[in-house]
Protein backbone atom coordinates (compact mmCIF):
# COMPACT_ATOMS: atom_id res chain seq x y z
CA MET A 1 -19.66 -17.74 7.92
CA THR A 2 -18.19 -14.56 7.36
CA VAL A 3 -17.78 -13.36 3.78
CA THR A 4 -15.95 -10.32 2.65
CA SER A 5 -15.87 -8.59 -0.33
CA LYS A 6 -12.89 -8.60 -3.22
CA ASP A 7 -12.19 -5.04 -1.75
CA GLN A 8 -12.30 -5.76 1.59
CA ARG A 9 -9.65 -8.88 1.10
CA SER A 10 -7.22 -6.77 -0.91
CA GLY A 11 -7.26 -3.72 1.16
CA ALA A 12 -4.19 -5.00 3.32
CA SER A 13 -2.53 -6.01 0.35
CA GLY A 14 -1.91 -2.77 -1.57
CA GLY A 15 -5.20 -3.27 -3.73
CA VAL A 16 -4.19 -6.56 -4.80
CA ASP A 17 -6.37 -9.89 -4.11
CA VAL A 18 -3.37 -12.26 -3.38
CA ASP A 19 -5.64 -15.35 -3.63
CA ARG A 20 -6.54 -14.52 -7.01
CA VAL A 21 -3.19 -13.73 -8.06
CA LEU A 22 -1.81 -16.79 -6.54
CA GLY A 23 -4.57 -19.14 -8.04
CA GLN A 24 -3.50 -17.72 -11.70
CA LEU A 25 0.13 -18.80 -10.81
CA GLY A 26 -0.73 -22.15 -10.07
CA GLN A 27 0.68 -24.47 -7.52
CA ALA A 28 2.55 -26.85 -9.35
CA GLY A 29 4.50 -24.82 -12.06
CA GLN A 30 8.63 -24.65 -12.59
CA PHE A 31 8.43 -21.42 -10.03
CA HIS A 32 6.96 -23.47 -7.53
CA LEU A 33 8.71 -26.56 -7.80
CA ARG A 34 12.02 -24.37 -7.66
CA VAL A 35 10.83 -22.95 -4.30
CA TYR A 36 9.97 -26.64 -2.98
CA VAL A 37 13.19 -27.81 -3.82
CA MET A 38 15.26 -25.21 -2.00
CA VAL A 39 12.75 -25.12 0.83
CA ALA A 40 13.39 -29.02 1.22
CA VAL A 41 16.98 -28.82 1.12
CA ALA A 42 16.80 -26.33 4.15
CA VAL A 43 14.33 -28.33 5.97
CA ILE A 44 16.71 -31.47 5.44
CA GLN A 45 19.31 -29.48 7.30
CA VAL A 46 16.87 -29.18 10.25
CA GLY A 47 16.57 -32.64 10.27
CA MET A 48 19.99 -33.20 10.48
CA LEU A 49 21.01 -30.70 12.98
CA HIS A 50 18.27 -29.83 15.20
CA THR A 51 19.15 -33.21 17.64
CA THR A 52 22.58 -33.75 16.93
CA TYR A 53 23.39 -33.49 20.91
CA ILE A 54 21.80 -37.32 20.85
CA PHE A 55 24.97 -38.40 19.39
CA LEU A 56 27.59 -35.71 19.95
CA ALA A 57 26.78 -35.56 23.85
CA GLY A 58 25.74 -39.51 23.58
CA SER A 59 26.84 -42.12 26.42
CA VAL A 60 30.07 -43.60 26.39
CA PRO A 61 30.88 -46.67 28.45
CA TYR A 62 33.45 -46.07 30.86
CA ARG A 63 35.17 -47.53 34.00
CA CYS A 64 37.72 -46.41 36.91
CA THR A 65 41.31 -46.60 36.29
CA VAL A 66 42.89 -49.19 38.92
CA PRO A 67 46.34 -47.45 39.25
CA GLU A 68 47.65 -50.53 41.40
CA CYS A 69 46.98 -52.77 38.10
CA GLU A 70 47.46 -50.25 35.17
CA SER A 71 49.11 -47.23 34.42
CA LEU A 72 46.79 -43.94 34.12
CA ASN A 73 47.23 -43.91 30.22
CA THR A 74 46.32 -47.62 29.59
CA THR A 75 43.98 -48.11 26.36
CA ASP A 76 42.70 -51.68 27.44
CA PHE A 77 39.13 -51.18 28.49
CA ASN A 78 38.39 -55.05 29.74
CA PRO A 79 41.55 -56.69 31.05
CA VAL A 80 41.27 -60.12 32.58
CA TRP A 81 41.35 -58.78 35.97
CA LEU A 82 38.39 -56.65 35.83
CA PRO A 83 35.64 -59.00 36.43
CA ASN A 84 37.05 -59.32 40.00
CA ALA A 85 37.49 -55.61 40.73
CA ALA A 86 33.77 -54.66 39.75
CA VAL A 87 31.81 -52.98 42.40
CA GLU A 88 28.23 -54.62 42.78
CA GLY A 89 25.52 -52.02 41.66
CA GLN A 90 28.09 -49.28 40.50
CA GLY A 91 29.35 -51.26 37.54
CA GLU A 92 32.82 -50.06 38.33
CA ARG A 93 32.11 -46.68 36.75
CA CYS A 94 32.27 -44.38 39.80
CA SER A 95 34.01 -46.69 42.27
CA ARG A 96 36.67 -49.38 42.47
CA ARG A 97 38.32 -52.18 44.66
CA VAL A 98 41.76 -52.29 45.93
CA PRO A 99 43.72 -55.50 44.82
CA LEU A 100 45.17 -57.48 47.79
CA THR A 101 47.84 -58.91 45.68
CA GLN A 102 50.07 -57.77 42.82
CA PRO A 103 50.62 -57.83 39.89
CA CYS A 104 47.21 -58.30 38.91
CA SER A 105 45.64 -61.45 37.01
CA ALA A 106 42.69 -63.61 36.22
CA ASN A 107 43.18 -64.74 39.78
CA THR A 108 43.50 -61.41 41.89
CA SER A 109 41.52 -60.86 44.70
CA PHE A 110 40.60 -57.40 45.81
CA SER A 111 39.17 -56.04 48.87
CA GLN A 112 35.47 -55.47 49.57
CA GLU A 113 35.91 -51.96 50.52
CA ALA A 114 35.09 -49.49 47.63
CA LEU A 115 36.80 -46.18 46.77
CA ALA A 116 35.98 -43.50 45.04
CA CYS A 117 37.66 -43.16 41.34
CA ASP A 118 40.18 -40.55 40.56
CA HIS A 119 40.80 -41.24 36.95
CA TRP A 120 38.63 -43.13 34.23
CA ILE A 121 39.11 -45.08 31.39
CA TYR A 122 36.67 -44.77 28.22
CA ALA A 123 35.71 -47.31 25.85
CA ASN A 124 36.03 -44.85 22.89
CA ASN A 125 36.28 -41.13 22.36
CA ASN A 126 33.60 -40.56 19.88
CA THR A 127 31.53 -38.15 22.09
CA ILE A 128 32.36 -35.03 24.35
CA VAL A 129 32.03 -37.25 27.33
CA ALA A 130 35.25 -38.89 26.92
CA GLU A 131 36.89 -35.43 25.25
CA PHE A 132 35.77 -33.69 28.65
CA ASN A 133 36.23 -36.10 31.15
CA LEU A 134 32.49 -36.06 31.94
CA ALA A 135 32.59 -39.62 33.66
CA CYS A 136 30.12 -39.82 36.67
CA GLN A 137 28.70 -36.56 35.46
CA GLU A 138 25.48 -37.73 33.66
CA TRP A 139 23.91 -34.60 34.46
CA LYS A 140 26.20 -32.77 32.32
CA ARG A 141 25.70 -34.74 29.43
CA THR A 142 21.87 -34.26 29.59
CA LEU A 143 22.18 -30.70 30.28
CA VAL A 144 23.34 -30.40 26.40
CA GLY A 145 20.09 -31.25 25.37
CA THR A 146 18.08 -29.07 28.00
CA ILE A 147 20.38 -25.99 26.88
CA HIS A 148 19.77 -26.84 23.07
CA ASN A 149 16.32 -26.60 23.53
CA ILE A 150 16.26 -23.45 26.08
CA GLY A 151 17.99 -21.84 22.88
CA MET A 152 15.00 -23.00 20.88
CA LEU A 153 12.59 -20.87 23.10
CA VAL A 154 14.62 -17.75 22.95
CA SER A 155 15.20 -17.95 19.03
CA LEU A 156 11.52 -18.32 18.31
CA PRO A 157 10.41 -14.55 19.01
CA ILE A 158 13.81 -13.18 17.61
CA LEU A 159 13.70 -14.90 14.32
CA GLY A 160 10.04 -14.31 14.35
CA TYR A 161 10.28 -10.91 14.50
CA ILE A 162 12.90 -10.92 11.85
CA SER A 163 10.51 -13.00 9.99
CA ASP A 164 7.52 -10.42 10.49
CA ARG A 165 9.85 -7.33 9.98
CA PHE A 166 12.32 -8.06 6.96
CA GLY A 167 10.75 -11.18 5.62
CA ARG A 168 10.61 -14.94 5.39
CA LYS A 169 13.57 -15.49 2.99
CA VAL A 170 16.01 -13.15 5.12
CA ALA A 171 14.98 -15.21 8.34
CA LEU A 172 15.61 -18.63 6.50
CA ILE A 173 18.62 -17.40 5.14
CA LEU A 174 19.76 -16.08 7.98
CA SER A 175 18.96 -19.17 10.42
CA CYS A 176 20.43 -21.65 8.02
CA THR A 177 23.78 -19.81 7.53
CA LEU A 178 24.28 -18.94 10.98
CA VAL A 179 23.70 -22.51 12.37
CA GLY A 180 26.42 -23.48 10.11
CA VAL A 181 28.96 -20.90 11.10
CA ILE A 182 28.17 -21.03 14.48
CA GLY A 183 27.95 -24.74 14.80
CA THR A 184 31.32 -25.47 13.52
CA LEU A 185 32.67 -23.53 16.52
CA LYS A 186 31.70 -26.58 18.43
CA ALA A 187 34.41 -28.81 17.03
CA PHE A 188 37.21 -26.39 18.15
CA SER A 189 35.69 -26.35 21.80
CA VAL A 190 38.45 -26.62 24.42
CA SER A 191 36.22 -27.08 27.24
CA TYR A 192 32.78 -28.29 28.28
CA GLU A 193 31.72 -24.91 28.98
CA MET A 194 32.54 -23.56 25.63
CA TYR A 195 30.82 -26.60 24.26
CA VAL A 196 27.78 -25.94 25.96
CA ILE A 197 27.76 -22.18 25.13
CA VAL A 198 28.24 -22.64 21.30
CA GLU A 199 25.58 -24.87 21.53
CA PHE A 200 23.17 -22.60 22.83
CA LEU A 201 23.94 -19.82 20.27
CA GLU A 202 23.78 -22.21 17.43
CA THR A 203 20.33 -23.00 18.46
CA ILE A 204 19.46 -19.50 18.74
CA ALA A 205 20.56 -18.92 15.49
CA GLY A 206 18.93 -22.17 13.75
CA ALA A 207 15.81 -22.89 15.75
CA SER A 208 13.52 -20.84 13.24
CA THR A 209 14.59 -22.53 10.23
CA PHE A 210 11.58 -24.72 9.84
CA PRO A 211 8.91 -22.21 11.02
CA ALA A 212 10.15 -19.76 8.23
CA SER A 213 10.51 -22.45 5.85
CA TYR A 214 6.73 -23.59 6.61
CA ILE A 215 5.37 -20.07 6.49
CA LEU A 216 7.15 -19.16 3.23
CA THR A 217 5.73 -22.56 1.76
CA ILE A 218 1.76 -22.20 3.16
CA GLU A 219 1.95 -18.35 1.73
CA LEU A 220 2.91 -19.40 -1.63
CA LEU A 221 -0.13 -22.02 -2.05
CA GLY A 222 -3.75 -21.76 -1.75
CA GLN A 223 -5.74 -22.75 1.50
CA ASP A 224 -6.85 -26.21 0.28
CA LYS A 225 -3.13 -27.01 -0.29
CA ARG A 226 -2.16 -27.08 3.77
CA VAL A 227 -2.51 -30.46 4.66
CA LEU A 228 -0.44 -31.35 1.88
CA THR A 229 2.09 -28.76 2.55
CA THR A 230 2.32 -29.74 5.91
CA ALA A 231 2.87 -33.29 5.07
CA PHE A 232 5.51 -32.70 2.61
CA LEU A 233 7.55 -30.75 4.92
CA GLY A 234 7.01 -33.52 7.54
CA ILE A 235 8.28 -35.91 5.12
CA VAL A 236 11.31 -33.95 4.22
CA ILE A 237 12.55 -33.27 7.88
CA SER A 238 12.19 -37.29 8.56
CA MET A 239 14.62 -37.63 5.35
CA GLY A 240 16.88 -35.26 7.21
CA GLY A 241 16.95 -37.45 10.41
CA VAL A 242 17.88 -40.59 8.68
CA CYS A 243 20.54 -38.42 6.97
CA PHE A 244 21.71 -37.47 10.48
CA ALA A 245 21.76 -40.84 11.71
CA LEU A 246 24.01 -42.17 8.71
CA MET A 247 26.42 -39.22 8.82
CA ALA A 248 26.68 -40.00 12.39
CA LYS A 249 27.32 -43.45 11.74
CA THR A 250 30.11 -42.68 9.11
CA PHE A 251 31.88 -39.85 11.18
CA GLN A 252 31.50 -41.12 14.41
CA TYR A 253 34.13 -38.84 15.84
CA TRP A 254 32.68 -35.72 17.24
CA ARG A 255 34.57 -33.11 15.58
CA THR A 256 35.22 -35.07 12.40
CA PHE A 257 31.02 -34.97 12.26
CA ILE A 258 30.94 -31.56 12.76
CA LEU A 259 33.49 -30.55 10.33
CA VAL A 260 31.70 -32.54 7.72
CA VAL A 261 28.05 -31.54 8.37
CA TYR A 262 28.39 -27.89 9.34
CA PRO A 263 30.34 -25.91 6.95
CA PRO A 264 28.16 -26.91 3.90
CA ALA A 265 25.42 -24.67 5.29
CA LEU A 266 27.28 -21.46 3.96
CA LEU A 267 26.00 -22.40 0.44
CA PHE A 268 22.65 -21.27 1.56
CA LEU A 269 24.00 -17.79 1.06
CA SER A 270 23.16 -18.28 -2.73
CA TYR A 271 19.61 -18.41 -1.77
CA ILE A 272 19.98 -14.55 -1.72
CA TYR A 273 19.82 -14.74 -5.54
CA PHE A 274 17.74 -17.73 -6.21
CA LEU A 275 15.00 -18.01 -3.72
CA PRO A 276 11.96 -15.57 -3.97
CA GLU A 277 10.45 -13.67 -1.08
CA SER A 278 6.76 -14.28 -0.37
CA ILE A 279 4.48 -12.64 -2.21
CA ARG A 280 1.81 -12.39 0.34
CA TRP A 281 4.22 -10.73 2.83
CA LEU A 282 5.69 -8.18 0.25
CA LEU A 283 2.26 -7.06 -0.53
CA SER A 284 1.44 -6.84 3.09
CA LYS A 285 4.35 -4.70 3.68
CA GLY A 286 3.70 -2.27 1.00
CA LYS A 287 6.46 -3.45 -1.10
CA LYS A 288 4.32 -3.71 -4.17
CA LYS A 289 7.02 -3.27 -6.67
CA GLU A 290 9.27 -6.24 -5.52
CA ALA A 291 5.86 -8.51 -5.42
CA ILE A 292 5.22 -7.35 -9.09
CA LYS A 293 8.57 -8.42 -10.10
CA ILE A 294 8.26 -11.79 -8.60
CA ILE A 295 4.73 -12.30 -9.84
CA LYS A 296 5.85 -11.57 -13.60
CA ARG A 297 8.65 -14.05 -13.19
CA ALA A 298 6.43 -16.69 -11.63
CA ALA A 299 4.01 -16.31 -14.77
CA LYS A 300 6.67 -16.33 -17.14
CA MET A 301 8.40 -19.40 -15.56
CA ASN A 302 5.15 -21.51 -15.54
CA ASN A 303 3.84 -20.25 -19.03
CA VAL A 304 0.68 -18.44 -17.41
CA THR A 305 -1.03 -15.49 -18.45
CA LEU A 306 -2.64 -13.25 -16.00
CA SER A 307 -6.03 -11.96 -16.71
CA GLU A 308 -6.28 -8.19 -17.57
CA GLU A 309 -8.38 -7.53 -13.96
CA THR A 310 -4.81 -8.93 -12.13
CA LEU A 311 -2.70 -6.78 -14.38
CA ARG A 312 -4.96 -3.76 -13.75
CA GLU A 313 -4.55 -4.19 -9.56
CA LEU A 314 -0.92 -4.71 -10.03
CA THR A 315 -0.60 -1.53 -11.59
CA GLU A 316 -2.99 0.74 -9.88
CA ASP A 317 -2.07 2.19 -6.53
CA LYS A 318 -5.15 2.15 -4.03
CA PRO A 319 -4.55 3.55 -0.68
CA GLN A 320 -6.43 2.66 2.68
CA THR A 321 -9.57 4.90 2.82
CA MET A 322 -10.14 7.04 6.04
CA GLU A 323 -12.63 4.68 7.31
CA GLU A 324 -10.21 1.68 7.20
CA LYS A 325 -7.17 3.57 8.77
CA LYS A 326 -9.77 4.83 11.60
CA GLU A 327 -10.91 1.28 12.24
CA ILE A 328 -7.71 -0.13 12.51
CA GLN A 329 -6.36 2.78 14.68
CA ASN A 330 -9.43 2.53 17.12
CA GLU A 331 -9.15 -1.35 17.25
CA PRO A 332 -8.49 -2.87 20.60
CA GLY A 333 -5.10 -4.66 21.51
CA ILE A 334 -5.44 -8.32 20.37
CA TRP A 335 -4.31 -9.48 23.43
CA SER A 336 -6.74 -7.28 25.36
CA GLN A 337 -9.36 -8.96 23.56
CA VAL A 338 -8.01 -12.70 24.14
CA MET A 339 -7.64 -11.75 27.79
CA ARG A 340 -11.46 -10.94 27.98
CA SER A 341 -12.63 -13.88 26.32
CA PRO A 342 -12.94 -16.99 28.92
CA ILE A 343 -13.44 -19.15 26.10
CA ILE A 344 -10.28 -18.38 24.01
CA MET A 345 -7.94 -17.95 27.21
CA LYS A 346 -9.39 -21.74 28.00
CA ARG A 347 -8.40 -22.73 24.82
CA LEU A 348 -4.97 -21.26 24.74
CA ALA A 349 -4.30 -22.95 27.92
CA ILE A 350 -5.61 -26.41 26.79
CA CYS A 351 -3.76 -25.63 23.37
CA SER A 352 -0.44 -24.75 25.35
CA TRP A 353 -0.72 -28.47 27.04
CA TRP A 354 -1.14 -30.11 23.67
CA TRP A 355 2.17 -28.24 22.46
CA ILE A 356 3.93 -29.41 25.72
CA THR A 357 3.09 -33.04 25.11
CA CYS A 358 3.95 -32.94 21.56
CA THR A 359 7.48 -31.71 22.31
CA PHE A 360 7.74 -33.53 25.28
CA VAL A 361 7.18 -36.98 24.10
CA PHE A 362 8.37 -36.24 20.21
CA TYR A 363 11.92 -35.40 21.30
CA GLY A 364 11.83 -37.81 24.59
CA LEU A 365 11.07 -40.90 22.27
CA ALA A 366 13.77 -40.03 19.72
CA ILE A 367 16.58 -39.21 22.44
CA ASN A 368 15.47 -42.53 24.29
CA SER A 369 15.94 -44.25 20.74
CA VAL A 370 19.33 -44.79 21.65
CA SER A 371 18.88 -47.25 24.57
CA LEU A 372 16.82 -49.63 22.73
CA ALA A 373 18.62 -52.79 22.01
CA GLY A 374 20.43 -52.88 18.91
CA ASP A 375 22.88 -50.41 16.93
CA LYS A 376 21.70 -46.74 18.00
CA TYR A 377 22.18 -45.41 14.87
CA THR A 378 19.66 -48.08 13.21
CA ASN A 379 17.26 -47.68 15.95
CA TYR A 380 17.60 -43.75 15.47
CA MET A 381 16.68 -44.18 11.62
CA LEU A 382 13.68 -46.54 12.52
CA VAL A 383 12.28 -44.00 15.20
CA VAL A 384 12.63 -41.29 12.23
CA SER A 385 11.57 -43.14 9.54
CA VAL A 386 8.32 -44.07 10.85
CA GLU A 387 7.68 -40.43 11.32
CA VAL A 388 6.51 -40.70 7.81
CA ILE A 389 3.77 -42.93 8.32
CA GLY A 390 2.44 -40.53 10.93
CA VAL A 391 2.85 -37.79 8.27
CA VAL A 392 0.76 -39.72 5.78
CA ILE A 393 -1.71 -40.62 8.27
CA ASN A 394 -2.53 -37.30 8.79
CA ALA A 395 -2.89 -36.53 5.05
CA LEU A 396 -5.07 -39.27 4.52
CA VAL A 397 -7.69 -38.34 7.52
CA LEU A 398 -7.53 -34.74 8.76
CA ASP A 399 -10.00 -33.98 6.02
CA ARG A 400 -12.07 -37.01 6.35
CA ILE A 401 -12.74 -37.88 9.82
CA GLY A 402 -11.60 -34.45 11.18
CA ARG A 403 -8.90 -32.80 13.04
CA LYS A 404 -10.39 -33.66 16.80
CA ARG A 405 -10.96 -37.17 16.06
CA SER A 406 -7.81 -37.57 14.24
CA LEU A 407 -5.70 -35.91 17.10
CA LEU A 408 -7.60 -37.94 19.74
CA ILE A 409 -6.60 -41.09 18.34
CA GLY A 410 -2.92 -40.01 17.89
CA PHE A 411 -2.66 -38.85 21.50
CA MET A 412 -4.57 -42.11 23.09
CA VAL A 413 -2.79 -44.42 21.02
CA CYS A 414 0.56 -43.08 21.86
CA GLY A 415 -0.46 -42.89 25.64
CA VAL A 416 -1.21 -46.54 25.66
CA SER A 417 1.85 -47.49 23.83
CA CYS A 418 4.23 -45.89 25.84
CA CYS A 419 2.58 -46.90 29.28
CA ALA A 420 3.14 -50.41 28.02
CA ILE A 421 6.51 -50.79 27.29
CA PRO A 422 7.64 -51.15 30.65
CA PHE A 423 5.54 -54.23 31.32
CA VAL A 424 7.29 -56.17 27.90
CA ARG A 425 10.81 -54.64 27.80
CA ASN A 426 12.38 -57.28 29.77
CA HIS A 427 10.28 -60.07 28.39
CA ILE A 428 9.61 -59.45 24.81
CA VAL A 429 12.02 -57.45 23.01
CA TRP A 430 10.58 -57.13 19.52
CA LEU A 431 7.17 -56.12 21.08
CA SER A 432 8.67 -53.32 23.18
CA ILE A 433 10.37 -52.05 20.05
CA PHE A 434 7.27 -52.08 18.08
CA LEU A 435 5.26 -50.33 21.20
CA TYR A 436 8.27 -47.77 21.10
CA LEU A 437 7.87 -47.14 17.16
CA LEU A 438 3.68 -47.18 17.34
CA GLY A 439 4.02 -44.36 20.17
CA LYS A 440 6.42 -42.32 17.79
CA VAL A 441 4.17 -42.61 15.13
CA ALA A 442 1.22 -41.81 17.11
CA ILE A 443 2.86 -38.27 18.42
CA THR A 444 4.16 -37.59 15.01
CA GLN A 445 0.60 -37.73 13.59
CA ALA A 446 -0.42 -35.53 16.65
CA PHE A 447 2.40 -32.92 16.50
CA ASN A 448 1.82 -32.61 12.58
CA GLY A 449 -1.81 -32.04 12.78
CA ILE A 450 -1.53 -29.68 16.07
CA TYR A 451 0.01 -26.78 13.91
CA MET A 452 -3.26 -27.04 11.69
CA TYR A 453 -6.04 -27.36 14.30
CA THR A 454 -4.58 -24.88 16.58
CA SER A 455 -4.36 -22.01 13.83
CA GLU A 456 -8.00 -23.07 13.01
CA LEU A 457 -9.32 -22.53 16.51
CA PHE A 458 -7.96 -18.63 16.98
CA PRO A 459 -9.31 -15.84 15.08
CA THR A 460 -7.56 -14.06 12.08
CA ARG A 461 -6.13 -11.20 13.62
CA ALA A 462 -4.55 -13.31 16.65
CA ARG A 463 -3.85 -16.58 14.81
CA HIS A 464 -0.15 -15.92 14.66
CA SER A 465 0.32 -14.47 17.90
CA LEU A 466 -1.69 -17.12 19.68
CA LEU A 467 -0.02 -20.08 17.53
CA ALA A 468 3.77 -18.47 18.70
CA PHE A 469 2.35 -18.37 22.17
CA CYS A 470 1.50 -21.99 22.42
CA SER A 471 4.95 -22.85 20.18
CA MET A 472 6.92 -20.95 22.56
CA VAL A 473 5.32 -22.79 25.68
CA GLY A 474 5.61 -26.01 23.96
CA ARG A 475 9.22 -25.66 24.32
CA ILE A 476 8.93 -26.57 27.93
CA GLY A 477 8.45 -30.00 26.76
CA SER A 478 11.62 -29.99 24.65
CA ILE A 479 13.55 -28.59 27.14
CA VAL A 480 12.52 -31.62 30.15
CA ALA A 481 12.94 -34.49 27.60
CA PRO A 482 16.73 -34.60 27.25
CA GLN A 483 16.61 -35.02 31.45
CA MET A 484 14.66 -38.24 30.77
CA PRO A 485 17.99 -40.41 30.24
CA LEU A 486 19.13 -39.16 33.89
CA LEU A 487 15.85 -40.29 34.94
CA GLU A 488 15.90 -43.65 33.41
CA ILE A 489 19.16 -44.48 35.37
CA TYR A 490 17.36 -44.22 38.71
CA VAL A 491 13.67 -45.30 37.68
CA LYS A 492 13.89 -47.22 34.46
CA TRP A 493 10.27 -47.26 33.85
CA LEU A 494 9.40 -43.71 34.96
CA PRO A 495 10.11 -42.01 31.39
CA SER A 496 7.89 -44.43 29.14
CA VAL A 497 5.07 -43.73 31.98
CA LEU A 498 5.56 -40.03 32.00
CA PHE A 499 5.35 -39.90 27.97
CA GLY A 500 2.24 -42.20 28.35
CA CYS A 501 0.34 -40.19 30.84
CA THR A 502 1.18 -36.75 29.44
CA ALA A 503 -0.39 -37.95 26.10
CA LEU A 504 -3.33 -39.34 27.89
CA VAL A 505 -4.18 -36.43 29.40
CA ALA A 506 -3.72 -34.50 26.02
CA GLY A 507 -6.21 -36.64 24.77
CA LEU A 508 -8.92 -36.22 27.29
CA LEU A 509 -8.42 -32.25 26.73
CA MET A 510 -9.12 -32.95 23.15
CA THR A 511 -12.62 -33.93 24.12
CA THR A 512 -13.25 -30.32 25.26
CA THR A 513 -12.82 -28.31 22.11
CA PRO A 514 -14.51 -27.90 19.11
CA GLU A 515 -14.12 -29.64 15.59
CA THR A 516 -13.10 -27.14 13.08
CA LEU A 517 -13.38 -29.53 9.78
CA ASN A 518 -15.59 -27.76 7.29
CA THR A 519 -16.16 -24.53 9.17
CA THR A 520 -14.74 -21.28 7.65
CA LEU A 521 -11.88 -19.67 9.29
CA PRO A 522 -13.17 -17.35 12.17
CA ASP A 523 -12.16 -13.58 11.79
CA THR A 524 -12.89 -12.28 15.10
CA ILE A 525 -12.85 -13.39 18.74
CA GLN A 526 -16.78 -13.55 18.74
CA GLU A 527 -16.58 -16.18 15.75
CA ALA A 528 -13.80 -18.11 17.22
CA GLU A 529 -15.99 -18.37 20.48
CA GLN A 530 -18.89 -19.76 18.34
CA ILE A 531 -17.18 -22.47 16.22
CA ALA A 532 -18.66 -25.07 18.28
CA THR A 533 -22.32 -24.17 17.59
CA ARG A 534 -21.59 -22.31 14.15
CA HIS A 535 -23.28 -24.02 11.03
CA ARG A 536 -20.40 -26.13 9.28
CA GLU A 537 -20.01 -25.26 5.83
CA PRO A 538 -17.42 -26.44 3.27
CA ARG A 539 -14.69 -23.47 2.59
CA LYS A 540 -15.61 -23.40 -1.31
CA SER A 541 -16.56 -19.56 -1.95
CA LYS A 542 -13.70 -17.23 -3.39
CA ASP A 543 -15.22 -14.79 -1.14
CA ILE A 544 -13.95 -16.40 2.01
CA GLN A 545 -11.10 -14.59 3.49
CA SER A 546 -7.93 -16.27 3.48
CA THR A 547 -5.33 -15.84 6.16
CA PRO A 548 -1.71 -17.01 5.91
CA CYS A 549 -0.25 -19.10 8.66
């Protein structure tokens, strides 16, 4: 176990022991509750807007127009002669038959020869499929989701840099506001190409709202509250998903939905005046005066009195010693250290697969939920609501049975459930829905816990960089996930089996990594390599170094 002195812990924070200051401010005062509420509102926005393509680019029933029987601008989607004109296996979607007699009626006969369609009629114009005439171009519809998730991949390093360089508050406000402004432009799209470009830009702007919210909240609290904080944000984002389904059901026309949901994001500009910056970030950047103002305001709001030692640290300047500066300058690059460690490189590869699995299965199940039997809006709300169960399970088990065992069970339950769905889908509808929801709960539990477990496997100086790398690689899963409905058209059972097999492999890989429960956070590459053999001790000492996520 690595123990650091107070001077070592406070050296990087301008001579201030951040953990002691935050401890004296408490964790549930008026100041904290105000931050929780504002962060929760931002996370609800994430839940509402991060998968809008599921409904805005959703599938719409359509059929060929038969010009011999109807006008091209007809609105009758189910005329009496339609069953006779149906092309077997095509569902009159992309091919049609020619009537042998006219005018067309219920008794009209049609030729056996199938002709390619020139025009289509849609059951409704609620999504961009009808608006931009995407009939028989399913790949264009599913491409919207893939473009969205490519935007997430691009966004992570950009907003991550902004967060580290200019602050968590700046990143959060910028992301929340821009997603509203850019997203609103989608309502004025005049073509499919314009819509896709705006979707991509919107995602770049808003994909980092949740990471910024997560880090801001974590840095405000002590290390012992990390599990509860993760659970809190997980529940809030699920609430946002339910709100999204309710709004989509209320405002089903896609342009109306956008104009109702996106513009209110401009209200996040008010956070410039009301949301405090991360105290830990300010001190790490040498912005001691700004940090002191927030600390004093928080102490006043929470009705607490800071100790004399803390007040002295806040008013004194303690520059780094020459030895500390020399040690930092001579330290090898962190990526150089990582690549020289076979254990850390192996762990990095395994963690990347976990992230790919979580994003692929998590978003894949959410997207495919609208194809289940019943109302698609209700199904989506059910799938999102059961995520709360996974979050609560994590809060109960991660500190009791361990990270490794909890995540192993989550991956395995998800894998078995998804693989079993094709065998019961056409026979027992309620059982297939139950397995679907069980898989969603299990992958949510795994996804929610993988944030913490990944951070505990890597050393302090590399933790943020390696966690960000795993998250970026993991976006491969979310990029592929929107294509699963397209694959289901050709092989109906394959998407569920792919979800299941991917989760099972992730569960098997879980057996190759060490348990991190009751171990101190490793500070160096060497300590991280020795997690499996180190003596496990509860994190009770105040002198154990605390590292922000």
